[in-house]
Amino acid sequence: MKLHSIKLRLMALSAIWVIGSLAASAIVLQYLFVSSLERDVRQDLEAALTRLVALLDEDAPQNGLSGPLPDPRYETPLGGRYWQIEVPENQALLRSRSLWDTVLPVTSNQATTGHFEHGDEWHIIYVARTIATGGQSVRLTVGEDHGPIHEAARLFLWDTARLFALLGAFILIAAWFQLRLGLVPLDKLRTAVDAVRQGQNSRLLGRFPTEVRPLANEVNALLEEREANMERARQRASDLAHGLKTPLAALHGIAVRVREKGNERDADLIDDLAFEMSKRVDYQMRLTTLRLRKSEHRESTSLNNAVLRTIAVLKKTGRGEALHWLADLSQDHQVDIHRQDLMELIGITLENAAKWASTRVTVRSTVIGANATIEISDDGPGVPEERLPQLGRRGQRLDEATSGSGLGLAIASEILALNSGRIEFRRGDTGGLVVALTLPLAPH
């Protein structure tokens, strides 16, 4: 059982309650049924005792009755009905033939009822009364086997158990459907939360019951607060980046003046620091722009168009003119990413491939399931297998001798993370680097 499942917990409690209630009801009904049977038997025995008193011989009760009782069971040994007459003064004892050699141990002088068990198989219920006749006390007892009551109670309990089992099954089935119906609002809430998580909605939409509505309102308030905090954080990052642009430009001017004074070393140092800081600012500003995309918006951008347009631009650069560009693209597909994000992503990876390629850059695209993958490979020196995991980390540069900030592939990783994609690096067949970009296809 899933201990954390509300449905199963409530169902288990319902099962315990239903089974316990029905079992208790069966016990109570069994008791009432037996009590009712014993009451009827006692009333019958009272009537038989009254008839026995009427049949006593008033002159000499020890000599027997004036006539037999009408029930033949009194004359059959262990026949099921019994009577006994005692005269305590002279210890006289008269018994029905059905008692055989057994004496009912009735000692009270008052009218009483009770049970008598002899061995494991003989159990009787009796009624006794003491009367005065002929100047002496006579105690009369009439009894009946309790076995038929036992058997009737057993059959009644069995019938009750079958009935209650069927009733319990119906109750539990009804409880299961009631739980399913009662928990539907929670399923709707889960679906609404999933729609927010997948970016289909920005808020929990739908009509919820009174008990669930406060939770939905709190979640919506939390989403609004989170969005407001993220917007403020983006604005602050953008303001900070823009605020640093002017001081960095001033540093470049200072470097020029220092160089004019003949201090090349300090001027280069200032330029390098200003350049590094500019790259960091550009990086944050580009990420800020990416995060402005609303999560609930679904995009549809042509993958092939972005690749071909970027290649056309790079071919016009000094480095791109010296390379051979091969675009092996499958049927064009629309991917779920903003057009500007895709252009940025393709541009970064193609620029990185052009930077390291010796003669050729190859671009291939494939579609598997609900994802499109584009592989960009070069025929450059490549990256050792043990250092591939370092690629895509912010500020990580594998070749310090080459100019650059090491932020390009980190930005590509950020773009893919924001658009539910992934990036993989591996060595190519010719030794160069292969960058595989995977993006989800746009919904139809």
Protein backbone atom coordinates (compact mmCIF):
# COMPACT_ATOMS: atom_id res chain seq x y z
CA MET A 1 0.00 0.00 0.00
CA LYS A 2 1.19 3.49 -0.76
CA LEU A 3 1.26 5.02 2.69
CA HIS A 4 1.38 8.53 1.22
CA SER A 5 -1.78 8.05 -0.87
CA ILE A 6 -4.76 9.94 0.55
CA LYS A 7 -7.15 7.83 -1.51
CA LEU A 8 -5.78 4.53 -0.22
CA ARG A 9 -5.56 5.82 3.34
CA LEU A 10 -9.20 6.93 3.31
CA MET A 11 -10.21 3.66 1.64
CA ALA A 12 -8.36 1.67 4.31
CA LEU A 13 -10.06 3.64 7.07
CA SER A 14 -13.43 3.15 5.36
CA ALA A 15 -12.80 -0.60 5.08
CA ILE A 16 -11.83 -0.82 8.77
CA TRP A 17 -14.89 1.20 9.78
CA VAL A 18 -17.32 -0.75 7.58
CA ILE A 19 -15.97 -4.17 8.54
CA GLY A 20 -15.85 -3.24 12.23
CA SER A 21 -19.37 -1.79 12.17
CA LEU A 22 -20.83 -4.78 10.36
CA ALA A 23 -19.04 -7.23 12.65
CA ALA A 24 -20.34 -5.39 15.72
CA SER A 25 -23.82 -5.28 14.19
CA ALA A 26 -23.69 -9.03 13.53
CA ILE A 27 -22.73 -9.69 17.16
CA VAL A 28 -25.52 -7.46 18.47
CA LEU A 29 -28.08 -9.04 16.12
CA GLN A 30 -26.90 -12.50 17.17
CA TYR A 31 -27.37 -11.58 20.82
CA LEU A 32 -30.83 -10.10 20.19
CA PHE A 33 -31.87 -13.14 18.14
CA VAL A 34 -30.78 -15.62 20.83
CA SER A 35 -32.39 -13.47 23.53
CA SER A 36 -35.64 -13.43 21.57
CA LEU A 37 -35.59 -17.22 21.12
CA GLU A 38 -34.83 -17.78 24.79
CA ARG A 39 -37.63 -15.39 25.78
CA ASP A 40 -40.09 -17.33 23.63
CA VAL A 41 -38.87 -20.62 25.10
CA ARG A 42 -39.21 -19.26 28.65
CA GLN A 43 -42.77 -18.13 27.93
CA ASP A 44 -43.57 -21.60 26.61
CA LEU A 45 -41.95 -23.16 29.66
CA GLU A 46 -43.97 -20.86 31.95
CA ALA A 47 -47.13 -22.12 30.28
CA ALA A 48 -45.98 -25.74 30.65
CA LEU A 49 -45.14 -25.09 34.33
CA THR A 50 -48.61 -23.70 34.95
CA ARG A 51 -50.12 -26.85 33.40
CA LEU A 52 -47.79 -28.99 35.53
CA VAL A 53 -49.08 -27.22 38.66
CA ALA A 54 -52.63 -27.89 37.52
CA LEU A 55 -51.90 -31.64 37.12
CA LEU A 56 -50.49 -32.06 40.65
CA ASP A 57 -52.40 -34.37 43.01
CA GLU A 58 -53.18 -32.05 45.90
CA ASP A 59 -53.41 -34.90 48.48
CA ALA A 60 -50.13 -36.56 47.66
CA PRO A 61 -47.99 -34.70 45.10
CA GLN A 62 -45.22 -37.23 45.55
CA ASN A 63 -47.42 -39.87 43.97
CA GLY A 64 -47.27 -38.13 40.61
CA LEU A 65 -49.53 -36.16 38.39
CA SER A 66 -53.21 -36.52 37.81
CA GLY A 67 -52.49 -36.85 34.09
CA PRO A 68 -49.68 -36.68 31.55
CA LEU A 69 -48.48 -33.51 29.90
CA PRO A 70 -49.56 -33.33 26.23
CA ASP A 71 -46.04 -33.08 24.78
CA PRO A 72 -44.72 -36.62 24.04
CA ARG A 73 -41.13 -35.44 24.45
CA TYR A 74 -41.60 -35.64 28.24
CA GLU A 75 -41.98 -39.43 27.91
CA THR A 76 -38.98 -39.98 25.63
CA PRO A 77 -35.53 -40.38 27.27
CA LEU A 78 -33.58 -37.19 26.55
CA GLY A 79 -36.49 -36.17 24.33
CA GLY A 80 -35.85 -32.44 24.65
CA ARG A 81 -38.57 -31.49 27.19
CA TYR A 82 -38.24 -32.22 30.94
CA TRP A 83 -40.06 -31.70 34.21
CA GLN A 84 -39.03 -32.30 37.80
CA ILE A 85 -40.96 -32.11 41.12
CA GLU A 86 -39.19 -31.91 44.49
CA VAL A 87 -40.60 -31.99 48.03
CA PRO A 88 -37.73 -30.77 50.22
CA GLU A 89 -39.43 -31.78 53.51
CA ASN A 90 -39.41 -35.51 52.77
CA GLN A 91 -36.82 -35.39 49.97
CA ALA A 92 -39.30 -36.84 47.51
CA LEU A 93 -38.37 -36.46 43.86
CA LEU A 94 -40.46 -37.01 40.77
CA ARG A 95 -39.05 -36.65 37.26
CA SER A 96 -40.20 -36.99 33.71
CA ARG A 97 -39.03 -40.08 31.87
CA SER A 98 -37.08 -37.82 29.54
CA LEU A 99 -34.68 -36.85 32.38
CA TRP A 100 -33.70 -40.49 32.83
CA ASP A 101 -31.34 -40.51 35.81
CA THR A 102 -30.42 -36.81 35.76
CA VAL A 103 -31.47 -34.36 38.49
CA LEU A 104 -31.81 -30.67 37.69
CA PRO A 105 -29.82 -28.76 40.36
CA VAL A 106 -32.44 -26.14 41.23
CA THR A 107 -31.92 -24.91 44.81
CA SER A 108 -33.67 -21.55 44.97
CA ASN A 109 -37.10 -21.38 46.63
CA GLN A 110 -38.05 -18.41 44.46
CA ALA A 111 -39.36 -18.40 40.92
CA THR A 112 -36.29 -18.50 38.70
CA THR A 113 -35.01 -19.24 35.25
CA GLY A 114 -31.57 -20.50 34.29
CA HIS A 115 -29.35 -22.82 32.31
CA PHE A 116 -28.05 -26.26 33.16
CA GLU A 117 -25.18 -28.01 31.37
CA HIS A 118 -24.31 -31.64 31.83
CA GLY A 119 -21.18 -32.65 29.98
CA ASP A 120 -20.32 -31.06 26.65
CA GLU A 121 -23.44 -32.02 24.73
CA TRP A 122 -26.39 -31.45 27.08
CA HIS A 123 -27.50 -27.91 27.75
CA ILE A 124 -31.02 -27.01 28.87
CA ILE A 125 -32.87 -23.84 29.75
CA TYR A 126 -35.34 -24.19 32.60
CA VAL A 127 -38.02 -22.37 34.58
CA ALA A 128 -38.56 -23.21 38.26
CA ARG A 129 -41.23 -22.24 40.77
CA THR A 130 -41.94 -23.14 44.42
CA ILE A 131 -45.54 -23.49 45.55
CA ALA A 132 -47.24 -24.55 48.76
CA THR A 133 -49.80 -27.33 48.56
CA GLY A 134 -51.12 -29.78 51.08
CA GLY A 135 -49.21 -28.00 53.86
CA GLN A 136 -45.79 -28.43 52.29
CA SER A 137 -43.50 -26.75 49.75
CA VAL A 138 -43.20 -28.21 46.32
CA ARG A 139 -40.56 -27.05 43.84
CA LEU A 140 -41.46 -27.58 40.19
CA THR A 141 -39.04 -27.27 37.27
CA VAL A 142 -39.71 -27.44 33.55
CA GLY A 143 -36.84 -27.37 31.03
CA GLU A 144 -36.07 -27.63 27.33
CA ASP A 145 -32.95 -28.45 25.34
CA HIS A 146 -30.95 -25.38 24.35
CA GLY A 147 -29.52 -27.20 21.31
CA PRO A 148 -32.18 -26.02 18.82
CA ILE A 149 -31.54 -22.45 19.95
CA HIS A 150 -27.81 -22.97 19.39
CA GLU A 151 -28.46 -24.37 15.93
CA ALA A 152 -30.90 -21.59 15.02
CA ALA A 153 -28.38 -19.00 16.26
CA ARG A 154 -25.60 -20.62 14.19
CA LEU A 155 -27.70 -20.60 11.03
CA PHE A 156 -28.83 -17.05 11.72
CA LEU A 157 -25.21 -15.93 12.19
CA TRP A 158 -24.17 -17.63 8.95
CA ASP A 159 -27.02 -16.01 7.00
CA THR A 160 -26.25 -12.66 8.63
CA ALA A 161 -22.54 -13.00 7.77
CA ARG A 162 -23.32 -13.66 4.11
CA LEU A 163 -25.77 -10.78 3.98
CA PHE A 164 -23.35 -8.39 5.72
CA ALA A 165 -20.47 -9.51 3.50
CA LEU A 166 -22.52 -8.63 0.42
CA LEU A 167 -23.64 -5.38 2.04
CA GLY A 168 -20.05 -4.55 3.03
CA ALA A 169 -18.85 -5.14 -0.52
CA PHE A 170 -21.50 -2.78 -1.89
CA ILE A 171 -20.65 -0.16 0.76
CA LEU A 172 -16.92 -0.37 0.01
CA ILE A 173 -17.53 -0.10 -3.74
CA ALA A 174 -19.75 2.92 -3.12
CA ALA A 175 -17.07 4.38 -0.81
CA TRP A 176 -14.43 3.88 -3.53
CA PHE A 177 -16.52 5.74 -6.09
CA GLN A 178 -17.30 8.41 -3.52
CA LEU A 179 -13.58 8.87 -2.85
CA ARG A 180 -12.80 9.06 -6.56
CA LEU A 181 -15.55 11.63 -7.05
CA GLY A 182 -14.51 13.56 -3.94
CA LEU A 183 -10.85 13.72 -5.00
CA VAL A 184 -11.61 14.91 -8.55
CA PRO A 185 -10.94 18.54 -7.53
CA LEU A 186 -7.45 17.53 -6.40
CA ASP A 187 -6.86 15.90 -9.78
CA LYS A 188 -8.03 19.11 -11.46
CA LEU A 189 -5.65 21.07 -9.24
CA ARG A 190 -2.79 18.73 -10.15
CA THR A 191 -3.61 19.12 -13.85
CA ALA A 192 -3.68 22.89 -13.48
CA VAL A 193 -0.30 22.87 -11.69
CA ASP A 194 1.14 20.64 -14.42
CA ALA A 195 -0.14 23.07 -17.06
CA VAL A 196 1.70 25.87 -15.26
CA ARG A 197 4.86 23.77 -14.99
CA GLN A 198 4.79 22.93 -18.71
CA GLY A 199 4.27 26.57 -19.59
CA GLN A 200 0.74 26.20 -20.98
CA ASN A 201 -0.72 28.60 -18.41
CA SER A 202 0.71 31.23 -16.12
CA ARG A 203 -1.90 30.68 -13.39
CA LEU A 204 -4.07 27.91 -12.01
CA LEU A 205 -7.19 28.10 -14.15
CA GLY A 206 -10.57 26.51 -13.55
CA ARG A 207 -13.35 26.47 -10.99
CA PHE A 208 -12.43 24.74 -7.76
CA PRO A 209 -14.65 23.73 -4.80
CA THR A 210 -14.78 25.91 -1.72
CA GLU A 211 -12.38 23.64 0.18
CA VAL A 212 -9.73 23.72 -2.59
CA ARG A 213 -10.18 27.32 -3.74
CA PRO A 214 -8.06 28.87 -0.93
CA LEU A 215 -5.14 26.61 -1.88
CA ALA A 216 -5.49 27.55 -5.57
CA ASN A 217 -5.60 31.24 -4.64
CA GLU A 218 -2.47 30.90 -2.50
CA VAL A 219 -0.62 29.13 -5.32
CA ASN A 220 -1.65 31.83 -7.79
CA ALA A 221 -0.50 34.51 -5.36
CA LEU A 222 2.82 32.68 -5.02
CA LEU A 223 3.20 32.51 -8.81
CA GLU A 224 2.48 36.22 -9.12
CA GLU A 225 5.01 37.02 -6.41
CA ARG A 226 7.63 34.81 -8.03
CA GLU A 227 7.08 36.42 -11.42
CA ALA A 228 7.32 39.88 -9.88
CA ASN A 229 10.55 38.96 -8.07
CA MET A 230 12.03 37.51 -11.26
CA GLU A 231 11.09 40.63 -13.20
CA ARG A 232 12.69 42.85 -10.57
CA ALA A 233 15.82 40.68 -10.60
CA ARG A 234 16.00 40.89 -14.41
CA GLN A 235 15.59 44.64 -14.30
CA ARG A 236 18.31 45.00 -11.69
CA ALA A 237 20.69 42.80 -13.70
CA SER A 238 19.95 44.81 -16.82
CA ASP A 239 20.41 48.10 -14.97
CA LEU A 240 23.69 46.89 -13.52
CA ALA A 241 24.97 45.74 -16.91
CA HIS A 242 24.01 49.01 -18.56
CA GLY A 243 25.54 50.94 -15.67
CA LEU A 244 28.87 49.20 -16.16
CA LYS A 245 29.03 49.98 -19.87
CA THR A 246 30.08 53.61 -19.37
CA PRO A 247 32.86 52.89 -16.82
CA LEU A 248 34.19 50.14 -19.07
CA ALA A 249 34.25 52.53 -22.05
CA ALA A 250 36.14 55.01 -19.85
CA LEU A 251 38.68 52.29 -19.01
CA HIS A 252 39.32 51.76 -22.70
CA GLY A 253 39.92 55.50 -23.05
CA ILE A 254 42.32 55.44 -20.13
CA ALA A 255 44.17 52.54 -21.74
CA VAL A 256 44.58 54.58 -24.93
CA ARG A 257 46.05 57.50 -23.03
CA VAL A 258 48.38 55.22 -21.05
CA ARG A 259 49.56 53.64 -24.28
CA GLU A 260 50.19 57.08 -25.79
CA LYS A 261 52.47 57.80 -22.87
CA GLY A 262 54.55 54.75 -23.77
CA ASN A 263 53.31 52.38 -21.04
CA GLU A 264 52.25 49.51 -23.29
CA ARG A 265 52.23 46.92 -20.50
CA ASP A 266 49.78 48.76 -18.24
CA ALA A 267 47.65 49.73 -21.21
CA ASP A 268 47.37 46.08 -22.33
CA LEU A 269 46.52 45.04 -18.79
CA ILE A 270 43.74 47.63 -18.58
CA ASP A 271 42.43 46.60 -22.00
CA ASP A 272 42.41 42.92 -21.04
CA LEU A 273 40.55 43.60 -17.80
CA ALA A 274 38.06 45.89 -19.52
CA PHE A 275 37.55 43.34 -22.30
CA GLU A 276 36.94 40.54 -19.81
CA MET A 277 34.48 42.65 -17.85
CA SER A 278 32.70 43.66 -21.07
CA LYS A 279 32.31 40.01 -22.01
CA ARG A 280 30.80 39.26 -18.60
CA VAL A 281 28.39 42.17 -18.91
CA ASP A 282 27.41 41.07 -22.43
CA TYR A 283 26.84 37.58 -21.14
CA GLN A 284 24.47 38.72 -18.39
CA MET A 285 22.62 41.07 -20.73
CA ARG A 286 22.11 38.32 -23.29
CA LEU A 287 20.80 35.97 -20.59
CA THR A 288 18.50 38.70 -19.31
CA THR A 289 17.03 39.03 -22.77
CA LEU A 290 16.50 35.30 -23.01
CA ARG A 291 14.67 35.08 -19.71
CA LEU A 292 12.18 37.73 -20.76
CA ARG A 293 10.32 35.05 -22.70
CA LYS A 294 7.10 34.13 -20.92
CA SER A 295 7.00 30.47 -19.94
CA GLU A 296 3.37 30.06 -21.02
CA HIS A 297 4.12 31.08 -24.61
CA ARG A 298 4.57 28.31 -27.15
CA GLU A 299 6.89 29.11 -30.04
CA SER A 300 7.31 27.74 -33.55
CA THR A 301 10.53 28.54 -35.41
CA SER A 302 12.00 27.03 -38.56
CA LEU A 303 15.19 25.13 -37.74
CA ASN A 304 16.55 24.99 -41.31
CA ASN A 305 15.91 28.69 -41.89
CA ALA A 306 17.91 29.65 -38.79
CA VAL A 307 20.83 27.42 -39.83
CA LEU A 308 20.96 28.62 -43.44
CA ARG A 309 20.68 32.30 -42.50
CA THR A 310 23.46 32.01 -39.93
CA ILE A 311 25.75 30.19 -42.39
CA ALA A 312 25.09 32.89 -44.99
CA VAL A 313 26.18 35.58 -42.53
CA LEU A 314 29.29 33.69 -41.35
CA LYS A 315 30.40 33.05 -44.94
CA LYS A 316 30.87 36.78 -45.33
CA THR A 317 33.31 37.03 -42.41
CA GLY A 318 37.05 36.75 -42.86
CA ARG A 319 37.24 33.38 -41.16
CA GLY A 320 34.08 32.04 -42.82
CA GLU A 321 35.26 32.80 -46.34
CA ALA A 322 38.19 30.42 -45.90
CA LEU A 323 36.04 27.46 -44.84
CA HIS A 324 33.91 24.97 -46.70
CA TRP A 325 30.36 24.86 -45.25
CA LEU A 326 28.29 21.68 -45.64
CA ALA A 327 24.60 21.75 -44.55
CA ASP A 328 23.04 18.27 -44.59
CA LEU A 329 19.54 19.15 -43.39
CA SER A 330 16.52 16.88 -43.34
CA GLN A 331 12.97 18.04 -43.96
CA ASP A 332 12.40 21.36 -42.30
CA HIS A 333 10.80 21.20 -38.86
CA GLN A 334 9.41 23.78 -36.49
CA VAL A 335 11.00 23.77 -33.03
CA ASP A 336 9.58 25.12 -29.77
CA ILE A 337 11.95 28.06 -29.21
CA HIS A 338 11.81 31.78 -29.83
CA ARG A 339 13.30 32.81 -33.16
CA GLN A 340 15.83 35.16 -31.56
CA ASP A 341 16.89 32.48 -29.06
CA LEU A 342 17.40 29.98 -31.88
CA MET A 343 19.42 32.44 -33.97
CA GLU A 344 21.58 33.18 -30.92
CA LEU A 345 22.04 29.46 -30.22
CA ILE A 346 22.96 28.52 -33.81
CA GLY A 347 25.18 31.58 -34.14
CA ILE A 348 27.20 30.78 -31.02
CA THR A 349 27.83 27.15 -31.95
CA LEU A 350 28.64 27.87 -35.60
CA GLU A 351 31.01 30.69 -34.62
CA ASN A 352 32.76 28.31 -32.22
CA ALA A 353 33.06 25.66 -34.97
CA ALA A 354 34.40 28.23 -37.47
CA LYS A 355 36.92 29.44 -34.91
CA TRP A 356 38.50 25.98 -34.51
CA ALA A 357 37.89 24.39 -37.92
CA SER A 358 40.80 23.81 -40.27
CA THR A 359 38.93 23.63 -43.58
CA ARG A 360 35.36 22.48 -43.09
CA VAL A 361 32.25 22.91 -40.90
CA THR A 362 29.43 20.38 -41.25
CA VAL A 363 25.85 20.81 -40.06
CA ARG A 364 23.41 17.86 -39.94
CA SER A 365 19.87 17.66 -38.58
CA THR A 366 17.74 14.67 -37.57
CA VAL A 367 14.36 14.19 -35.95
CA ILE A 368 13.73 11.46 -33.38
CA GLY A 369 10.32 11.28 -31.75
CA ALA A 370 9.27 14.68 -30.43
CA ASN A 371 12.76 16.21 -30.64
CA ALA A 372 14.94 17.66 -33.37
CA THR A 373 18.74 17.35 -33.11
CA ILE A 374 21.27 19.42 -35.01
CA GLU A 375 24.94 18.36 -35.03
CA ILE A 376 27.65 20.93 -35.76
CA SER A 377 31.10 19.47 -36.34
CA ASP A 378 34.47 20.83 -37.43
CA ASP A 379 37.72 19.27 -38.60
CA GLY A 380 39.85 21.14 -36.11
CA PRO A 381 42.10 19.77 -33.34
CA GLY A 382 39.12 18.77 -31.22
CA VAL A 383 38.99 18.30 -27.45
CA PRO A 384 40.43 15.35 -25.48
CA GLU A 385 37.80 12.93 -24.19
CA GLU A 386 38.67 13.61 -20.54
CA ARG A 387 38.07 17.35 -20.99
CA LEU A 388 34.73 17.17 -22.80
CA PRO A 389 32.72 17.46 -19.53
CA GLN A 390 34.33 20.88 -18.96
CA LEU A 391 32.75 22.34 -22.10
CA GLY A 392 29.73 24.56 -21.60
CA ARG A 393 30.72 25.63 -18.10
CA ARG A 394 30.60 29.33 -17.47
CA GLY A 395 34.01 30.99 -18.04
CA GLN A 396 35.70 27.64 -18.77
CA ARG A 397 38.40 27.93 -21.48
CA LEU A 398 40.34 24.91 -22.65
CA ASP A 399 42.87 26.92 -24.68
CA GLU A 400 44.16 29.98 -22.85
CA ALA A 401 46.40 30.88 -25.81
CA THR A 402 43.41 31.68 -28.02
CA SER A 403 41.39 34.85 -27.58
CA GLY A 404 37.93 34.51 -26.10
CA SER A 405 36.06 34.51 -22.84
CA GLY A 406 34.84 30.93 -22.76
CA LEU A 407 31.24 32.15 -22.38
CA GLY A 408 29.84 31.21 -25.82
CA LEU A 409 29.05 27.57 -25.12
CA ALA A 410 27.90 28.50 -21.61
CA ILE A 411 25.33 30.85 -23.16
CA ALA A 412 24.27 28.06 -25.55
CA SER A 413 23.75 25.77 -22.55
CA GLU A 414 21.65 28.45 -20.84
CA ILE A 415 19.50 28.92 -23.95
CA LEU A 416 18.83 25.18 -24.19
CA ALA A 417 18.07 24.90 -20.48
CA LEU A 418 15.53 27.71 -20.76
CA ASN A 419 13.85 25.99 -23.72
CA SER A 420 13.75 22.38 -22.44
CA GLY A 421 16.63 21.33 -24.68
CA ARG A 422 20.04 19.77 -24.08
CA ILE A 423 23.57 20.01 -25.42
CA GLU A 424 26.12 17.21 -25.84
CA PHE A 425 29.80 17.24 -26.82
CA ARG A 426 31.85 14.45 -28.37
CA ARG A 427 34.83 13.91 -30.63
CA GLY A 428 34.12 13.61 -34.34
CA ASP A 429 35.26 10.86 -36.65
CA THR A 430 37.97 13.14 -38.08
CA GLY A 431 39.11 14.27 -34.65
CA GLY A 432 37.26 17.58 -34.42
CA LEU A 433 34.51 18.57 -31.98
CA VAL A 434 30.86 17.64 -32.49
CA VAL A 435 28.24 19.74 -30.71
CA ALA A 436 24.75 18.14 -30.65
CA LEU A 437 21.84 20.49 -29.90
CA THR A 438 18.47 18.89 -29.11
CA LEU A 439 15.24 20.90 -29.01
CA PRO A 440 11.58 19.87 -28.66
CA LEU A 441 9.43 20.14 -31.75
CA ALA A 442 6.75 22.82 -31.77
CA PRO A 443 3.23 21.60 -30.91
CA HIS A 444 0.91 21.24 -33.87
